């Protein structure tokens, strides 16, 4: 016969309502620390497992949160998801992860499926600058926090790395190495990260005295190695450069591949800087100089904002930017 909440309460010597509050992370603060310890010890001794469905019927909540990512095979996103899961679990929530494969239709389908599961909130890493599905859920009052991206459609809270400062660090580093012909192989223009980093690049090269021709910015359709290579070939057909700031690490890897295909070496002929500091980029040949974003912290902070919204019914309305740093490795060198 399964252990019930009443069994736990009797063993701990408290009322069932007190035991319920002690076992729920959202209401635990209403109970004394000594009582919480006693109830938790009783629950552990009895191997008590709360029924989330029953709790949901009482509270009209499921204690489930949906997490949408555009591509789980991208090493950028597992640390974000992990950081979010730790915080959500601490607050008593179960995570459901959906991969949209960078497809707006798959994103809409995933959002509908999560809505049908009656999740209490969403963490969204797949949002585009204009996103109809996100705007519709926002209008319905769904608690949502954007991770690593922002939306221009709705005033949702978002948590990102400091894109503007990160690009400035990259350009400043290249200028200090003597480079002036610096190009930007940018991320997609329908994503806030692509637009913000490209805008910051133009501003940084202008302020730091590097060349600022429009020919020195080429946009990728996706954040991928293949697009990084394609866009770099397009760039080098138009201009001669000695350094490239890439929209992210995958684009940077594609850029280095394109350089090799054209008989150029990195960093002897062209220095390359990435963005994100994904796992294993320090093992590339050459190891990638890149802007490090604290992705686990991005996920954790987004989860904290979402938990606060779900608990208090009040949303943050601003973007939280976390500090970034430049990690200098072997893909950049002084201008020969």
Protein backbone atom coordinates (compact mmCIF):
# COMPACT_ATOMS: atom_id res chain seq x y z
CA UNK A 1 0.00 0.00 0.00
CA UNK A 2 1.51 3.39 -1.00
CA UNK A 3 2.68 5.75 1.69
CA UNK A 4 0.38 8.75 2.07
CA UNK A 5 0.93 12.32 3.21
CA UNK A 6 -1.02 11.44 6.37
CA UNK A 7 1.50 8.67 7.14
CA UNK A 8 4.35 11.17 6.88
CA UNK A 9 2.50 13.66 9.08
CA UNK A 10 1.83 11.04 11.77
CA UNK A 11 5.46 9.92 11.83
CA UNK A 12 6.63 13.54 12.10
CA UNK A 13 4.00 14.38 14.70
CA UNK A 14 2.45 17.24 12.72
CA UNK A 15 -0.84 18.06 10.98
CA UNK A 16 -1.09 16.84 7.34
CA UNK A 17 -1.39 20.46 6.19
CA UNK A 18 1.89 21.31 7.91
CA UNK A 19 3.55 18.27 6.33
CA UNK A 20 2.29 19.37 2.91
CA UNK A 21 3.73 22.87 3.35
CA UNK A 22 7.06 21.46 4.57
CA UNK A 23 7.36 19.16 1.55
CA UNK A 24 6.56 21.89 -0.98
CA UNK A 25 9.60 24.11 -1.76
CA UNK A 26 7.28 27.04 -2.52
CA UNK A 27 5.63 26.97 0.92
CA UNK A 28 8.46 25.57 3.02
CA UNK A 29 9.35 29.02 4.35
CA UNK A 30 5.99 29.09 6.17
CA UNK A 31 7.14 26.26 8.45
CA UNK A 32 9.89 26.32 11.07
CA UNK A 33 13.24 24.84 10.08
CA UNK A 34 13.01 22.22 12.82
CA UNK A 35 9.60 21.06 11.57
CA UNK A 36 10.80 20.96 7.96
CA UNK A 37 13.73 18.75 8.98
CA UNK A 38 11.43 16.43 10.92
CA UNK A 39 8.98 16.11 8.01
CA UNK A 40 11.73 15.55 5.45
CA UNK A 41 13.31 12.87 7.64
CA UNK A 42 9.93 11.16 8.01
CA UNK A 43 9.31 11.29 4.26
CA UNK A 44 12.75 9.82 3.58
CA UNK A 45 12.32 7.07 6.16
CA UNK A 46 8.95 6.08 4.67
CA UNK A 47 10.16 6.50 1.06
CA UNK A 48 7.26 8.89 0.47
CA UNK A 49 6.76 10.01 -3.13
CA UNK A 50 4.30 12.90 -3.59
CA UNK A 51 1.75 12.58 -6.36
CA UNK A 52 2.19 15.60 -8.68
CA UNK A 53 -1.14 14.95 -10.39
CA UNK A 54 -3.01 15.09 -7.10
CA UNK A 55 -1.18 18.24 -6.09
CA UNK A 56 -1.98 19.77 -9.46
CA UNK A 57 -5.69 19.10 -9.00
CA UNK A 58 -5.63 20.94 -5.67
CA UNK A 59 -3.53 23.90 -6.77
CA UNK A 60 -4.46 24.09 -10.46
CA UNK A 61 -0.73 23.82 -11.17
CA UNK A 62 1.36 21.00 -12.63
CA UNK A 63 4.81 22.02 -11.32
CA UNK A 64 6.11 21.41 -14.86
CA UNK A 65 8.10 23.89 -16.94
CA UNK A 66 8.77 23.65 -20.66
CA UNK A 67 12.23 24.49 -22.03
CA UNK A 68 12.48 25.18 -25.77
CA UNK A 69 15.88 25.10 -27.46
CA UNK A 70 16.59 25.54 -31.17
CA UNK A 71 19.17 22.77 -31.46
CA UNK A 72 20.22 20.40 -28.67
CA UNK A 73 23.14 19.15 -30.77
CA UNK A 74 24.62 22.65 -30.48
CA UNK A 75 27.04 22.46 -27.50
CA UNK A 76 25.88 25.93 -26.48
CA UNK A 77 22.52 24.75 -25.12
CA UNK A 78 23.18 21.79 -22.75
CA UNK A 79 24.92 24.04 -20.18
CA UNK A 80 22.00 26.49 -20.38
CA UNK A 81 19.47 23.69 -19.87
CA UNK A 82 21.51 22.21 -17.04
CA UNK A 83 21.74 25.55 -15.24
CA UNK A 84 17.98 26.02 -15.58
CA UNK A 85 17.17 22.48 -14.44
CA UNK A 86 19.17 22.85 -11.23
CA UNK A 87 17.23 25.97 -10.22
CA UNK A 88 13.85 24.61 -11.32
CA UNK A 89 14.38 21.34 -9.46
CA UNK A 90 15.37 23.26 -6.34
CA UNK A 91 12.04 25.10 -6.59
CA UNK A 92 10.09 21.85 -7.02
CA UNK A 93 9.56 21.93 -10.80
CA UNK A 94 10.02 19.18 -13.38
CA UNK A 95 11.49 20.15 -16.75
CA UNK A 96 10.19 19.11 -20.17
CA UNK A 97 12.67 19.83 -22.99
CA UNK A 98 11.65 20.39 -26.61
CA UNK A 99 14.03 20.81 -29.56
CA UNK A 100 12.60 23.04 -32.32
CA UNK A 101 15.41 22.38 -34.84
CA UNK A 102 15.35 26.10 -35.70
CA UNK A 103 12.01 25.56 -37.43
CA UNK A 104 9.15 28.04 -36.68
CA UNK A 105 6.51 25.38 -37.41
CA UNK A 106 8.17 22.91 -35.04
CA UNK A 107 8.42 25.65 -32.44
CA UNK A 108 4.69 26.39 -32.73
CA UNK A 109 3.87 22.67 -32.50
CA UNK A 110 6.10 22.25 -29.44
CA UNK A 111 4.53 25.25 -27.74
CA UNK A 112 1.05 23.85 -28.40
CA UNK A 113 2.07 20.47 -27.00
CA UNK A 114 3.53 22.02 -23.86
CA UNK A 115 0.44 24.18 -23.45
CA UNK A 116 -1.68 21.02 -23.69
CA UNK A 117 0.44 19.50 -20.92
CA UNK A 118 -0.54 22.56 -18.86
CA UNK A 119 3.01 23.59 -18.01
CA UNK A 120 3.17 26.39 -15.48
CA UNK A 121 5.75 28.37 -17.44
CA UNK A 122 8.26 28.35 -20.29
CA UNK A 123 11.94 29.05 -20.83
CA UNK A 124 12.42 29.83 -24.51
CA UNK A 125 15.78 29.75 -26.26
CA UNK A 126 14.33 29.48 -29.76
CA UNK A 127 12.63 32.88 -30.08
CA UNK A 128 13.19 35.00 -33.15
CA UNK A 129 13.03 38.80 -33.14
CA UNK A 130 9.47 38.61 -34.48
CA UNK A 131 7.80 35.44 -33.26
CA UNK A 132 4.06 34.99 -33.70
CA UNK A 133 3.79 31.87 -31.51
CA UNK A 134 5.56 33.54 -28.58
CA UNK A 135 3.47 36.70 -28.98
CA UNK A 136 0.27 34.64 -28.87
CA UNK A 137 1.23 32.84 -25.67
CA UNK A 138 2.30 36.13 -24.11
CA UNK A 139 -1.15 37.55 -24.89
CA UNK A 140 -2.68 34.56 -23.09
CA UNK A 141 -0.69 35.34 -19.95
CA UNK A 142 1.75 32.43 -20.03
CA UNK A 143 4.79 33.10 -17.81
CA UNK A 144 7.84 33.02 -20.09
CA UNK A 145 11.48 34.03 -19.91
CA UNK A 146 13.69 34.15 -23.00
CA UNK A 147 17.17 32.67 -22.80
CA UNK A 148 20.11 33.84 -24.92
CA UNK A 149 17.77 35.80 -27.22
CA UNK A 150 15.30 38.68 -27.12
CA UNK A 151 12.02 39.41 -28.88
CA UNK A 152 10.93 42.66 -30.48
CA UNK A 153 7.27 41.59 -30.46
CA UNK A 154 6.61 41.40 -26.73
CA UNK A 155 8.16 42.88 -23.56
CA UNK A 156 9.27 39.54 -22.13
CA UNK A 157 12.10 39.24 -19.63
CA UNK A 158 15.27 37.80 -21.17
CA UNK A 159 18.66 36.67 -19.93
CA UNK A 160 21.66 36.92 -22.27
CA UNK A 161 25.38 37.42 -22.27
CA UNK A 162 26.60 40.95 -22.86
CA UNK A 163 26.78 40.80 -26.67
CA UNK A 164 27.83 44.41 -27.17
CA UNK A 165 30.73 44.27 -24.74
CA UNK A 166 31.80 40.85 -26.00
CA UNK A 167 32.13 42.08 -29.58
CA UNK A 168 33.96 45.19 -28.37
CA UNK A 169 36.46 42.96 -26.54
CA UNK A 170 37.03 40.94 -29.71
CA UNK A 171 37.60 43.99 -31.92
CA UNK A 172 39.80 45.70 -29.33
CA UNK A 173 41.95 42.57 -29.06
CA UNK A 174 42.44 42.44 -32.83
CA UNK A 175 43.24 46.16 -33.01
CA UNK A 176 45.87 45.73 -30.28
CA UNK A 177 47.43 43.02 -32.45
CA UNK A 178 47.70 45.56 -35.28
CA UNK A 179 44.74 44.50 -37.44
CA UNK A 180 42.69 47.15 -39.24
CA UNK A 181 41.06 45.10 -42.04
CA UNK A 182 38.66 43.31 -39.68
CA UNK A 183 35.51 41.60 -41.00
CA UNK A 184 32.41 40.23 -39.32
CA UNK A 185 30.79 36.97 -40.39
CA UNK A 186 27.47 37.64 -38.69
CA UNK A 187 24.70 35.48 -37.30
CA UNK A 188 21.16 35.41 -38.78
CA UNK A 189 19.37 38.73 -39.04
CA UNK A 190 16.08 37.28 -37.73
CA UNK A 191 17.68 36.58 -34.33
CA UNK A 192 18.48 39.21 -31.74
CA UNK A 193 21.99 37.87 -31.19
CA UNK A 194 22.81 38.19 -34.91
CA UNK A 195 21.56 41.75 -35.10
CA UNK A 196 23.05 42.93 -31.80
CA UNK A 197 26.49 41.50 -32.47
CA UNK A 198 26.58 42.93 -36.02
CA UNK A 199 25.48 46.35 -34.74
CA UNK A 200 28.09 46.22 -31.98
CA UNK A 201 30.78 45.23 -34.49
CA UNK A 202 30.09 48.25 -36.69
CA UNK A 203 30.18 50.53 -33.67
CA UNK A 204 33.38 48.98 -32.29
CA UNK A 205 35.38 49.19 -35.55
CA UNK A 206 34.28 52.79 -35.94
CA UNK A 207 35.30 53.76 -32.41
CA UNK A 208 38.56 51.80 -32.45
CA UNK A 209 39.78 53.02 -35.82
CA UNK A 210 39.41 49.89 -37.96
CA UNK A 211 38.00 49.72 -41.49
CA UNK A 212 34.22 50.04 -41.51
CA UNK A 213 33.14 49.18 -45.07
CA UNK A 214 29.78 47.46 -45.58
CA UNK A 215 31.67 44.84 -47.61
CA UNK A 216 33.28 43.69 -44.36
CA UNK A 217 30.03 42.30 -42.90
CA UNK A 218 28.49 39.12 -44.33
CA UNK A 219 25.39 37.51 -42.79
CA UNK A 220 24.89 33.78 -42.27
CA UNK A 221 21.44 32.23 -42.68
CA UNK A 222 21.99 29.97 -39.64
CA UNK A 223 24.44 29.55 -36.80
CA UNK A 224 26.31 26.63 -38.36
CA UNK A 225 29.73 25.55 -39.58
CA UNK A 226 28.42 25.21 -43.13
CA UNK A 227 27.05 28.76 -43.20
CA UNK A 228 30.21 30.10 -41.61
CA UNK A 229 32.24 28.56 -44.42
CA UNK A 230 29.88 29.77 -47.14
CA UNK A 231 29.74 33.33 -45.83
CA UNK A 232 33.53 33.47 -45.43
CA UNK A 233 34.02 32.40 -49.04
CA UNK A 234 31.58 35.15 -50.05
CA UNK A 235 33.49 37.66 -47.93
CA UNK A 236 36.89 36.75 -49.39
CA UNK A 237 35.57 37.00 -52.93
CA UNK A 238 34.89 40.69 -52.24
CA UNK A 239 37.65 41.93 -49.95
CA UNK A 240 41.00 41.09 -48.42
CA UNK A 241 41.02 40.91 -44.64
CA UNK A 242 43.50 40.01 -41.93
CA UNK A 243 41.01 39.23 -39.14
CA UNK A 244 37.45 37.94 -38.70
CA UNK A 245 35.07 38.31 -35.76
CA UNK A 246 32.56 35.47 -36.10
CA UNK A 247 28.94 35.60 -34.93
CA UNK A 248 29.49 32.47 -32.82
CA UNK A 249 31.93 29.59 -32.44
CA UNK A 250 30.30 27.40 -35.08
CA UNK A 251 30.56 30.20 -37.63
CA UNK A 252 34.19 30.65 -36.56
CA UNK A 253 34.94 26.98 -37.23
CA UNK A 254 33.36 27.33 -40.67
CA UNK A 255 35.46 30.44 -41.32
CA UNK A 256 38.68 28.59 -40.50
CA UNK A 257 37.65 25.74 -42.83
CA UNK A 258 37.01 28.25 -45.64
CA UNK A 259 40.42 29.85 -45.07
CA UNK A 260 42.12 26.46 -45.37
CA UNK A 261 40.18 25.67 -48.53
CA UNK A 262 41.60 28.86 -50.06
CA UNK A 263 45.16 28.07 -49.04
CA UNK A 264 45.19 30.51 -46.12
CA UNK A 265 46.30 29.69 -42.58
CA UNK A 266 44.79 30.84 -39.29
CA UNK A 267 46.26 32.83 -37.62
CA UNK A 268 49.29 33.37 -39.90
CA UNK A 269 47.20 34.90 -42.70
CA UNK A 270 43.88 35.66 -40.99
CA UNK A 271 43.09 35.75 -37.26
CA UNK A 272 39.65 34.49 -36.15
CA UNK A 273 37.65 35.21 -32.99
CA UNK A 274 34.52 33.26 -32.04
CA UNK A 275 31.72 33.92 -29.58
CA UNK A 276 30.36 31.68 -26.76
CA UNK A 277 33.37 29.49 -25.81
CA UNK A 278 31.57 26.25 -26.52
CA UNK A 279 33.05 23.03 -25.08
CA UNK A 280 36.04 21.67 -27.03
CA UNK A 281 36.89 24.85 -28.97
CA UNK A 282 40.11 24.89 -26.97
CA UNK A 283 40.94 21.53 -28.60
CA UNK A 284 40.66 22.82 -32.19
CA UNK A 285 43.66 23.44 -34.40
CA UNK A 286 44.34 26.22 -33.76
CA UNK A 287 42.58 26.57 -30.39
CA UNK A 288 39.89 29.22 -30.79
CA UNK A 289 40.13 32.69 -29.31
CA UNK A 290 36.56 33.47 -28.30
CA UNK A 291 34.22 35.44 -26.05
CA UNK A 292 33.18 33.31 -23.08
CA UNK A 293 29.50 33.51 -22.09
CA UNK A 294 28.49 31.99 -18.70
CA UNK A 295 25.79 29.77 -20.20
CA UNK A 296 24.96 27.78 -17.05
CA UNK A 297 24.44 31.10 -15.25
CA UNK A 298 22.20 32.29 -18.11
CA UNK A 299 19.97 29.25 -17.65
CA UNK A 300 19.97 29.53 -13.86
CA UNK A 301 19.09 33.23 -13.81
CA UNK A 302 16.31 32.73 -16.36
CA UNK A 303 14.90 29.93 -14.21
CA UNK A 304 14.98 32.14 -11.11
CA UNK A 305 13.09 34.90 -12.93
CA UNK A 306 10.50 32.40 -14.15
CA UNK A 307 10.01 30.83 -10.71
CA UNK A 308 9.47 34.30 -9.25
CA UNK A 309 6.90 35.10 -11.94
CA UNK A 310 5.03 31.82 -11.38
CA UNK A 311 5.05 32.26 -7.60
CA UNK A 312 4.25 35.97 -7.38
CA UNK A 313 2.38 36.58 -10.63
CA UNK A 314 4.65 39.51 -11.49
CA UNK A 315 7.05 39.44 -14.44
CA UNK A 316 10.35 41.22 -14.84
CA UNK A 317 10.23 43.38 -17.96
CA UNK A 318 13.90 44.02 -18.64
CA UNK A 319 16.77 42.10 -20.20
CA UNK A 320 19.38 40.80 -17.79
CA UNK A 321 22.85 40.79 -19.33
CA UNK A 322 25.53 38.68 -17.68
CA UNK A 323 29.24 39.59 -17.90
CA UNK A 324 31.42 37.99 -20.58
CA UNK A 325 35.19 37.71 -21.02
CA UNK A 326 37.63 37.25 -23.88
CA UNK A 327 39.60 34.00 -23.84
CA UNK A 328 42.74 34.40 -25.95
CA UNK A 329 44.04 31.23 -27.60
CA UNK A 330 45.92 30.32 -30.77
CA UNK A 331 43.55 31.53 -33.52
CA UNK A 332 44.67 35.16 -33.20
CA UNK A 333 48.14 36.59 -33.74
CA UNK A 334 49.84 39.95 -34.38
CA UNK A 335 49.55 41.29 -37.91
CA UNK A 336 52.54 40.02 -39.87
